[in-house]
PDB file of N, CA and C in Angstrom:
ATOM      1  N   MET A   1     -21.236  -5.405  13.446  1.00  0.00           N
ATOM      2  CA  MET A   1     -20.983  -5.538  12.030  1.00  0.00           C
ATOM      3  C   MET A   1     -20.523  -6.976  11.770  1.00  0.00           C
ATOM      4  N   SER A   2     -21.039  -7.574  10.711  1.00  0.00           N
ATOM      5  CA  SER A   2     -20.657  -8.947  10.411  1.00  0.00           C
ATOM      6  C   SER A   2     -19.237  -9.003   9.864  1.00  0.00           C
ATOM      7  N   ARG A   3     -18.670 -10.179   9.941  1.00  0.00           N
ATOM      8  CA  ARG A   3     -17.287 -10.336   9.473  1.00  0.00           C
ATOM      9  C   ARG A   3     -17.167 -10.099   7.980  1.00  0.00           C
ATOM     10  N   ALA A   4     -18.208 -10.419   7.235  1.00  0.00           N
ATOM     11  CA  ALA A   4     -18.168 -10.215   5.787  1.00  0.00           C
ATOM     12  C   ALA A   4     -18.057  -8.728   5.449  1.00  0.00           C
ATOM     13  N   ARG A   5     -18.580  -7.864   6.314  1.00  0.00           N
ATOM     14  CA  ARG A   5     -18.506  -6.434   6.059  1.00  0.00           C
ATOM     15  C   ARG A   5     -17.153  -5.865   6.461  1.00  0.00           C
ATOM     16  N   TRP A   6     -16.406  -6.575   7.289  1.00  0.00           N
ATOM     17  CA  TRP A   6     -15.073  -6.105   7.705  1.00  0.00           C
ATOM     18  C   TRP A   6     -14.034  -6.295   6.610  1.00  0.00           C
ATOM     19  N   ARG A   7     -14.245  -7.241   5.730  1.00  0.00           N
ATOM     20  CA  ARG A   7     -13.241  -7.548   4.719  1.00  0.00           C
ATOM     21  C   ARG A   7     -12.896  -6.339   3.849  1.00  0.00           C
ATOM     22  N   PRO A   8     -13.884  -5.627   3.301  1.00  0.00           N
ATOM     23  CA  PRO A   8     -13.510  -4.447   2.505  1.00  0.00           C
ATOM     24  C   PRO A   8     -12.761  -3.406   3.331  1.00  0.00           C
ATOM     25  N   LEU A   9     -13.116  -3.278   4.597  1.00  0.00           N
ATOM     26  CA  LEU A   9     -12.418  -2.316   5.448  1.00  0.00           C
ATOM     27  C   LEU A   9     -10.973  -2.724   5.683  1.00  0.00           C
ATOM     28  N   ALA A  10     -10.728  -4.016   5.757  1.00  0.00           N
ATOM     29  CA  ALA A  10      -9.371  -4.501   5.982  1.00  0.00           C
ATOM     30  C   ALA A  10      -8.491  -4.273   4.751  1.00  0.00           C
ATOM     31  N   LEU A  11      -9.098  -4.194   3.589  1.00  0.00           N
ATOM     32  CA  LEU A  11      -8.327  -3.999   2.362  1.00  0.00           C
ATOM     33  C   LEU A  11      -8.037  -2.529   2.070  1.00  0.00           C
ATOM     34  N   LEU A  12      -8.668  -1.625   2.810  1.00  0.00           N
ATOM     35  CA  LEU A  12      -8.429  -0.202   2.580  1.00  0.00           C
ATOM     36  C   LEU A  12      -6.970   0.207   2.760  1.00  0.00           C
ATOM     37  N   PRO A  13      -6.270  -0.265   3.811  1.00  0.00           N
ATOM     38  CA  PRO A  13      -4.851   0.141   3.926  1.00  0.00           C
ATOM     39  C   PRO A  13      -4.009  -0.310   2.735  1.00  0.00           C
ATOM     40  N   ALA A  14      -4.282  -1.503   2.229  1.00  0.00           N
ATOM     41  CA  ALA A  14      -3.524  -1.994   1.075  1.00  0.00           C
ATOM     42  C   ALA A  14      -3.820  -1.145  -0.161  1.00  0.00           C
ATOM     43  N   ALA A  15      -5.078  -0.777  -0.352  1.00  0.00           N
ATOM     44  CA  ALA A  15      -5.445   0.056  -1.498  1.00  0.00           C
ATOM     45  C   ALA A  15      -4.827   1.444  -1.367  1.00  0.00           C
ATOM     46  N   ALA A  16      -4.850   1.991  -0.166  1.00  0.00           N
ATOM     47  CA  ALA A  16      -4.259   3.316   0.047  1.00  0.00           C
ATOM     48  C   ALA A  16      -2.757   3.287  -0.207  1.00  0.00           C
ATOM     49  N   LEU A  17      -2.100   2.243   0.248  1.00  0.00           N
ATOM     50  CA  LEU A  17      -0.668   2.121   0.025  1.00  0.00           C
ATOM     51  C   LEU A  17      -0.362   2.005  -1.471  1.00  0.00           C
ATOM     52  N   GLY A  18      -1.150   1.222  -2.187  1.00  0.00           N
ATOM     53  CA  GLY A  18      -0.955   1.083  -3.625  1.00  0.00           C
ATOM     54  C   GLY A  18      -1.122   2.410  -4.352  1.00  0.00           C
ATOM     55  N   ALA A  19      -2.148   3.166  -3.965  1.00  0.00           N
ATOM     56  CA  ALA A  19      -2.364   4.476  -4.585  1.00  0.00           C
ATOM     57  C   ALA A  19      -1.213   5.422  -4.275  1.00  0.00           C
ATOM     58  N   LEU A  20      -0.728   5.379  -3.037  1.00  0.00           N
ATOM     59  CA  LEU A  20       0.391   6.226  -2.647  1.00  0.00           C
ATOM     60  C   LEU A  20       1.638   5.892  -3.453  1.00  0.00           C
ATOM     61  N   LEU A  21       1.908   4.618  -3.613  1.00  0.00           N
ATOM     62  CA  LEU A  21       3.085   4.209  -4.377  1.00  0.00           C
ATOM     63  C   LEU A  21       2.961   4.587  -5.847  1.00  0.00           C
ATOM     64  N   LEU A  22       1.763   4.442  -6.418  1.00  0.00           N
ATOM     65  CA  LEU A  22       1.581   4.786  -7.827  1.00  0.00           C
ATOM     66  C   LEU A  22       1.726   6.279  -8.075  1.00  0.00           C
ATOM     67  N   THR A  23       1.190   7.098  -7.198  1.00  0.00           N
ATOM     68  CA  THR A  23       1.301   8.538  -7.402  1.00  0.00           C
ATOM     69  C   THR A  23       2.705   9.035  -7.122  1.00  0.00           C
ATOM     70  N   GLY A  24       3.428   8.376  -6.248  1.00  0.00           N
ATOM     71  CA  GLY A  24       4.784   8.797  -5.922  1.00  0.00           C
ATOM     72  C   GLY A  24       5.795   8.400  -6.967  1.00  0.00           C
ATOM     73  N   CYS A  25       5.461   7.450  -7.828  1.00  0.00           N
ATOM     74  CA  CYS A  25       6.423   6.938  -8.801  1.00  0.00           C
ATOM     75  C   CYS A  25       6.259   7.537 -10.191  1.00  0.00           C
ATOM     76  N   GLY A  26       5.211   8.287 -10.425  1.00  0.00           N
ATOM     77  CA  GLY A  26       4.962   8.815 -11.757  1.00  0.00           C
ATOM     78  C   GLY A  26       5.792  10.040 -12.069  1.00  0.00           C
ATOM     79  N   ASN A  27       5.991  10.298 -13.354  1.00  0.00           N
ATOM     80  CA  ASN A  27       6.664  11.515 -13.792  1.00  0.00           C
ATOM     81  C   ASN A  27       5.631  12.626 -13.775  1.00  0.00           C
ATOM     82  N   HIS A  28       5.929  13.700 -13.076  1.00  0.00           N
ATOM     83  CA  HIS A  28       4.967  14.771 -12.911  1.00  0.00           C
ATOM     84  C   HIS A  28       5.147  15.882 -13.941  1.00  0.00           C
ATOM     85  N   GLY A  29       5.863  15.614 -15.016  1.00  0.00           N
ATOM     86  CA  GLY A  29       5.993  16.557 -16.106  1.00  0.00           C
ATOM     87  C   GLY A  29       6.848  17.772 -15.803  1.00  0.00           C
ATOM     88  N   HIS A  30       7.864  17.630 -14.990  1.00  0.00           N
ATOM     89  CA  HIS A  30       8.748  18.748 -14.686  1.00  0.00           C
ATOM     90  C   HIS A  30       9.650  18.996 -15.889  1.00  0.00           C
ATOM     91  N   ALA A  31       9.591  20.206 -16.424  1.00  0.00           N
ATOM     92  CA  ALA A  31      10.369  20.538 -17.615  1.00  0.00           C
ATOM     93  C   ALA A  31      11.867  20.582 -17.323  1.00  0.00           C
ATOM     94  N   ALA A  32      12.242  20.886 -16.078  1.00  0.00           N
ATOM     95  CA  ALA A  32      13.655  21.006 -15.735  1.00  0.00           C
ATOM     96  C   ALA A  32      14.347  19.644 -15.639  1.00  0.00           C
ATOM     97  N   ASP A  33      13.578  18.584 -15.482  1.00  0.00           N
ATOM     98  CA  ASP A  33      14.177  17.252 -15.368  1.00  0.00           C
ATOM     99  C   ASP A  33      14.627  16.773 -16.738  1.00  0.00           C
ATOM    100  N   SER A  34      15.855  16.311 -16.795  1.00  0.00           N
ATOM    101  CA  SER A  34      16.318  15.739 -18.050  1.00  0.00           C
ATOM    102  C   SER A  34      15.812  14.305 -18.143  1.00  0.00           C
ATOM    103  N   PRO A  35      15.667  13.768 -19.350  1.00  0.00           N
ATOM    104  CA  PRO A  35      15.129  12.416 -19.507  1.00  0.00           C
ATOM    105  C   PRO A  35      15.928  11.343 -18.770  1.00  0.00           C
ATOM    106  N   GLY A  36      17.219  11.548 -18.587  1.00  0.00           N
ATOM    107  CA  GLY A  36      18.046  10.539 -17.944  1.00  0.00           C
ATOM    108  C   GLY A  36      18.192  10.716 -16.443  1.00  0.00           C
ATOM    109  N   SER A  37      17.606  11.782 -15.870  1.00  0.00           N
ATOM    110  CA  SER A  37      17.789  12.012 -14.435  1.00  0.00           C
ATOM    111  C   SER A  37      16.911  11.077 -13.624  1.00  0.00           C
ATOM    112  N   ALA A  38      17.416  10.691 -12.481  1.00  0.00           N
ATOM    113  CA  ALA A  38      16.680   9.789 -11.601  1.00  0.00           C
ATOM    114  C   ALA A  38      16.418  10.492 -10.272  1.00  0.00           C
ATOM    115  N   SER A  39      15.329  10.120  -9.629  1.00  0.00           N
ATOM    116  CA  SER A  39      15.016  10.659  -8.309  1.00  0.00           C
ATOM    117  C   SER A  39      15.973  10.066  -7.296  1.00  0.00           C
ATOM    118  N   PRO A  40      16.256  10.803  -6.227  1.00  0.00           N
ATOM    119  CA  PRO A  40      17.118  10.240  -5.193  1.00  0.00           C
ATOM    120  C   PRO A  40      16.431   9.048  -4.520  1.00  0.00           C
ATOM    121  N   ALA A  41      17.222   8.121  -4.071  1.00  0.00           N
ATOM    122  CA  ALA A  41      16.677   6.936  -3.407  1.00  0.00           C
ATOM    123  C   ALA A  41      16.068   7.329  -2.069  1.00  0.00           C
ATOM    124  N   PRO A  42      14.963   6.681  -1.677  1.00  0.00           N
ATOM    125  CA  PRO A  42      14.358   6.988  -0.379  1.00  0.00           C
ATOM    126  C   PRO A  42      15.270   6.548   0.759  1.00  0.00           C
ATOM    127  N   ALA A  43      15.114   7.200   1.881  1.00  0.00           N
ATOM    128  CA  ALA A  43      15.909   6.852   3.062  1.00  0.00           C
ATOM    129  C   ALA A  43      15.508   5.469   3.561  1.00  0.00           C
ATOM    130  N   ALA A  44      16.415   4.814   4.244  1.00  0.00           N
ATOM    131  CA  ALA A  44      16.156   3.473   4.770  1.00  0.00           C
ATOM    132  C   ALA A  44      14.982   3.485   5.739  1.00  0.00           C
ATOM    133  N   SER A  45      14.852   4.555   6.517  1.00  0.00           N
ATOM    134  CA  SER A  45      13.735   4.626   7.468  1.00  0.00           C
ATOM    135  C   SER A  45      12.395   4.713   6.740  1.00  0.00           C
ATOM    136  N   GLU A  46      12.371   5.401   5.582  1.00  0.00           N
ATOM    137  CA  GLU A  46      11.146   5.478   4.790  1.00  0.00           C
ATOM    138  C   GLU A  46      10.791   4.110   4.220  1.00  0.00           C
ATOM    139  N   LEU A  47      11.790   3.408   3.738  1.00  0.00           N
ATOM    140  CA  LEU A  47      11.554   2.068   3.207  1.00  0.00           C
ATOM    141  C   LEU A  47      11.042   1.128   4.297  1.00  0.00           C
ATOM    142  N   ALA A  48      11.634   1.217   5.481  1.00  0.00           N
ATOM    143  CA  ALA A  48      11.203   0.368   6.595  1.00  0.00           C
ATOM    144  C   ALA A  48       9.765   0.690   6.979  1.00  0.00           C
ATOM    145  N   HIS A  49       9.411   1.968   6.982  1.00  0.00           N
ATOM    146  CA  HIS A  49       8.041   2.366   7.332  1.00  0.00           C
ATOM    147  C   HIS A  49       7.048   1.838   6.287  1.00  0.00           C
ATOM    148  N   MET A  50       7.389   1.976   5.012  1.00  0.00           N
ATOM    149  CA  MET A  50       6.507   1.480   3.953  1.00  0.00           C
ATOM    150  C   MET A  50       6.376  -0.039   4.018  1.00  0.00           C
ATOM    151  N   GLN A  51       7.466  -0.740   4.339  1.00  0.00           N
ATOM    152  CA  GLN A  51       7.408  -2.189   4.453  1.00  0.00           C
ATOM    153  C   GLN A  51       6.501  -2.593   5.613  1.00  0.00           C
ATOM    154  N   LYS A  52       6.558  -1.861   6.728  1.00  0.00           N
ATOM    155  CA  LYS A  52       5.699  -2.155   7.872  1.00  0.00           C
ATOM    156  C   LYS A  52       4.235  -1.945   7.501  1.00  0.00           C
ATOM    157  N   LEU A  53       3.940  -0.859   6.774  1.00  0.00           N
ATOM    158  CA  LEU A  53       2.564  -0.627   6.335  1.00  0.00           C
ATOM    159  C   LEU A  53       2.069  -1.745   5.429  1.00  0.00           C
ATOM    160  N   LEU A  54       2.915  -2.181   4.539  1.00  0.00           N
ATOM    161  CA  LEU A  54       2.558  -3.270   3.633  1.00  0.00           C
ATOM    162  C   LEU A  54       2.346  -4.567   4.396  1.00  0.00           C
ATOM    163  N   ASP A  55       3.231  -4.880   5.334  1.00  0.00           N
ATOM    164  CA  ASP A  55       3.077  -6.085   6.148  1.00  0.00           C
ATOM    165  C   ASP A  55       1.796  -6.051   6.975  1.00  0.00           C
ATOM    166  N   ASP A  56       1.476  -4.881   7.547  1.00  0.00           N
ATOM    167  CA  ASP A  56       0.241  -4.736   8.323  1.00  0.00           C
ATOM    168  C   ASP A  56      -0.992  -4.936   7.445  1.00  0.00           C
ATOM    169  N   ALA A  57      -0.952  -4.391   6.232  1.00  0.00           N
ATOM    170  CA  ALA A  57      -2.080  -4.558   5.308  1.00  0.00           C
ATOM    171  C   ALA A  57      -2.232  -6.016   4.900  1.00  0.00           C
ATOM    172  N   ASP A  58      -1.117  -6.692   4.625  1.00  0.00           N
ATOM    173  CA  ASP A  58      -1.173  -8.116   4.278  1.00  0.00           C
ATOM    174  C   ASP A  58      -1.741  -8.934   5.427  1.00  0.00           C
ATOM    175  N   SER A  59      -1.332  -8.613   6.641  1.00  0.00           N
ATOM    176  CA  SER A  59      -1.819  -9.324   7.815  1.00  0.00           C
ATOM    177  C   SER A  59      -3.318  -9.114   7.998  1.00  0.00           C
ATOM    178  N   ALA A  60      -3.770  -7.875   7.829  1.00  0.00           N
ATOM    179  CA  ALA A  60      -5.202  -7.582   7.968  1.00  0.00           C
ATOM    180  C   ALA A  60      -6.010  -8.310   6.894  1.00  0.00           C
ATOM    181  N   ALA A  61      -5.484  -8.363   5.701  1.00  0.00           N
ATOM    182  CA  ALA A  61      -6.183  -9.074   4.618  1.00  0.00           C
ATOM    183  C   ALA A  61      -6.246 -10.568   4.897  1.00  0.00           C
ATOM    184  N   ALA A  62      -5.170 -11.132   5.435  1.00  0.00           N
ATOM    185  CA  ALA A  62      -5.160 -12.558   5.775  1.00  0.00           C
ATOM    186  C   ALA A  62      -6.183 -12.868   6.869  1.00  0.00           C
ATOM    187  N   VAL A  63      -6.273 -12.009   7.870  1.00  0.00           N
ATOM    188  CA  VAL A  63      -7.251 -12.195   8.930  1.00  0.00           C
ATOM    189  C   VAL A  63      -8.669 -12.109   8.362  1.00  0.00           C
ATOM    190  N   ALA A  64      -8.898 -11.139   7.483  1.00  0.00           N
ATOM    191  CA  ALA A  64     -10.215 -10.991   6.887  1.00  0.00           C
ATOM    192  C   ALA A  64     -10.574 -12.217   6.041  1.00  0.00           C
ATOM    193  N   ASP A  65      -9.613 -12.731   5.285  1.00  0.00           N
ATOM    194  CA  ASP A  65      -9.857 -13.948   4.493  1.00  0.00           C
ATOM    195  C   ASP A  65     -10.179 -15.124   5.392  1.00  0.00           C
ATOM    196  N   SER A  66      -9.444 -15.265   6.469  1.00  0.00           N
ATOM    197  CA  SER A  66      -9.675 -16.363   7.409  1.00  0.00           C
ATOM    198  C   SER A  66     -11.065 -16.248   8.036  1.00  0.00           C
ATOM    199  N   ASP A  67     -11.436 -15.041   8.432  1.00  0.00           N
ATOM    200  CA  ASP A  67     -12.760 -14.829   9.020  1.00  0.00           C
ATOM    201  C   ASP A  67     -13.865 -15.120   8.006  1.00  0.00           C
ATOM    202  N   ALA A  68     -13.669 -14.698   6.772  1.00  0.00           N
ATOM    203  CA  ALA A  68     -14.662 -14.934   5.738  1.00  0.00           C
ATOM    204  C   ALA A  68     -14.799 -16.425   5.459  1.00  0.00           C
ATOM    205  N   ALA A  69     -13.678 -17.141   5.446  1.00  0.00           N
ATOM    206  CA  ALA A  69     -13.735 -18.584   5.208  1.00  0.00           C
ATOM    207  C   ALA A  69     -14.429 -19.306   6.363  1.00  0.00           C
ATOM    208  N   ALA A  70     -14.244 -18.804   7.576  1.00  0.00           N
ATOM    209  CA  ALA A  70     -14.887 -19.424   8.741  1.00  0.00           C
ATOM    210  C   ALA A  70     -16.379 -19.173   8.744  1.00  0.00           C
ATOM    211  N   ASP A  71     -16.825 -18.097   8.120  1.00  0.00           N
ATOM    212  CA  ASP A  71     -18.260 -17.766   8.093  1.00  0.00           C
ATOM    213  C   ASP A  71     -19.035 -18.606   7.089  1.00  0.00           C
ATOM    214  N   LYS A  72     -18.372 -19.241   6.171  1.00  0.00           N
ATOM    215  CA  LYS A  72     -19.073 -20.027   5.125  1.00  0.00           C
ATOM    216  C   LYS A  72     -19.635 -21.294   5.661  1.00  0.00           C
TER     217      LYS A  72
END
């Protein structure tokens, strides 16, 4: 597979993470929730895991950009 075809594949983790964050942050229409109530904060281990996923996606995208620039 050529390097140009790898670039979209490298961006999939970043897109998946973005979709996960967007769906996790929305109000799901729970009638029992009062307008002023807030969700509990995520655990530190969850935040660290999400940060690692984001860093890995950024790294993969940077590699794909570098490979694409080298192919020109």
